Amino acid sequence: MIDRKTPYLNAGFSNVLLVRPMFLAMFNHVAPTAWIGFALAIAFGLWWLLTPLSVLRFYSRLAKRDLTAAKPLAVRLVGFCWIVMLVAVFW
């Protein structure tokens, strides 16, 4: 028998398909502002991942020095790691 108040199983393997997965239950409790923050943080990581030369130009202006030592591949790697970290934390 399934308790309708929780997404957990109470008994038996035959009820597995009737229970909604835990990760779907999580989405009911996330505030809309959290989704906006997540989207902005992902956009920041995508900027690093997709346009590394733009990132290097932007930060060289902030630092007022040439950042030619930084490689675009390293910037892409940091952007990828940023996105993976955000998805792991948010999920």
Protein backbone atom coordinates (compact mmCIF):
# COMPACT_ATOMS: atom_id res chain seq x y z
CA MET A 1 0.00 0.00 0.00
CA ILE A 2 1.25 3.48 -0.83
CA ASP A 3 0.95 6.37 1.55
CA ARG A 4 -0.15 9.27 -0.69
CA LYS A 5 1.35 11.90 1.64
CA THR A 6 4.96 11.00 0.90
CA PRO A 7 6.77 9.95 -2.27
CA TYR A 8 8.34 6.97 -0.47
CA LEU A 9 7.39 3.33 -0.72
CA ASN A 10 5.74 1.69 2.26
CA ALA A 11 5.84 -1.90 1.07
CA GLY A 12 6.58 -4.18 -1.83
CA PHE A 13 8.57 -4.01 -5.04
CA SER A 14 5.39 -3.95 -7.15
CA ASN A 15 4.68 -0.36 -6.08
CA VAL A 16 7.98 1.04 -7.38
CA LEU A 17 6.51 2.37 -10.61
CA LEU A 18 3.71 4.19 -8.80
CA VAL A 19 5.99 6.36 -6.68
CA ARG A 20 7.31 9.58 -8.15
CA PRO A 21 11.08 9.94 -8.00
CA MET A 22 12.69 12.00 -5.25
CA PHE A 23 14.25 14.52 -7.65
CA LEU A 24 10.80 15.47 -8.99
CA ALA A 25 9.58 16.13 -5.46
CA MET A 26 12.52 18.51 -5.01
CA PHE A 27 11.27 20.86 -7.73
CA ASN A 28 8.08 21.57 -5.80
CA HIS A 29 10.10 23.18 -3.00
CA VAL A 30 12.46 25.42 -4.98
CA ALA A 31 11.60 29.13 -4.97
CA PRO A 32 11.38 30.92 -8.32
CA THR A 33 14.15 33.30 -7.25
CA ALA A 34 16.43 30.31 -6.75
CA TRP A 35 15.81 29.30 -10.37
CA ILE A 36 16.68 32.84 -11.52
CA GLY A 37 19.90 32.78 -9.51
CA PHE A 38 20.75 29.35 -10.88
CA ALA A 39 20.14 30.54 -14.45
CA LEU A 40 22.35 33.62 -13.95
CA ALA A 41 25.15 31.54 -12.44
CA ILE A 42 24.91 29.04 -15.32
CA ALA A 43 25.02 31.95 -17.80
CA PHE A 44 28.24 33.15 -16.14
CA GLY A 45 29.76 29.69 -16.57
CA LEU A 46 28.57 29.49 -20.18
CA TRP A 47 30.24 32.84 -20.87
CA TRP A 48 33.53 31.36 -19.64
CA LEU A 49 32.96 28.12 -21.54
CA LEU A 50 31.85 29.53 -24.90
CA THR A 51 33.82 32.80 -25.22
CA PRO A 52 37.11 32.50 -23.34
CA LEU A 53 38.83 35.30 -25.27
CA SER A 54 36.08 37.71 -24.26
CA VAL A 55 36.62 36.71 -20.63
CA LEU A 56 40.36 37.28 -20.93
CA ARG A 57 39.84 40.72 -22.53
CA PHE A 58 37.37 41.72 -19.81
CA TYR A 59 39.63 40.68 -16.93
CA SER A 60 42.74 42.21 -18.56
CA ARG A 61 40.90 45.55 -18.53
CA LEU A 62 40.04 45.11 -14.85
CA ALA A 63 43.58 44.12 -13.90
CA LYS A 64 45.11 46.81 -16.18
CA ARG A 65 47.68 44.35 -17.40
CA ASP A 66 48.01 41.84 -20.19
CA LEU A 67 46.74 38.36 -19.34
CA THR A 68 48.37 36.63 -22.29
CA ALA A 69 49.74 33.91 -20.01
CA ALA A 70 46.23 32.56 -19.50
CA LYS A 71 45.18 30.07 -22.13
CA PRO A 72 41.64 29.92 -23.55
CA LEU A 73 41.58 26.19 -22.84
CA ALA A 74 42.15 26.88 -19.13
CA VAL A 75 39.31 29.41 -19.13
CA ARG A 76 37.02 26.87 -20.82
CA LEU A 77 37.97 24.26 -18.24
CA VAL A 78 37.15 26.64 -15.39
CA GLY A 79 33.79 27.44 -17.01
CA PHE A 80 33.00 23.75 -17.39
CA CYS A 81 33.96 23.03 -13.78
CA TRP A 82 31.82 25.96 -12.64
CA ILE A 83 28.75 24.56 -14.41
CA VAL A 84 29.35 21.04 -13.10
CA MET A 85 29.72 22.38 -9.54
CA LEU A 86 26.51 24.42 -9.80
CA VAL A 87 24.49 21.51 -11.14
CA ALA A 88 25.85 19.21 -8.42
CA VAL A 89 25.04 21.69 -5.66
CA PHE A 90 21.65 22.75 -6.98
CA TRP A 91 20.46 19.25 -7.87
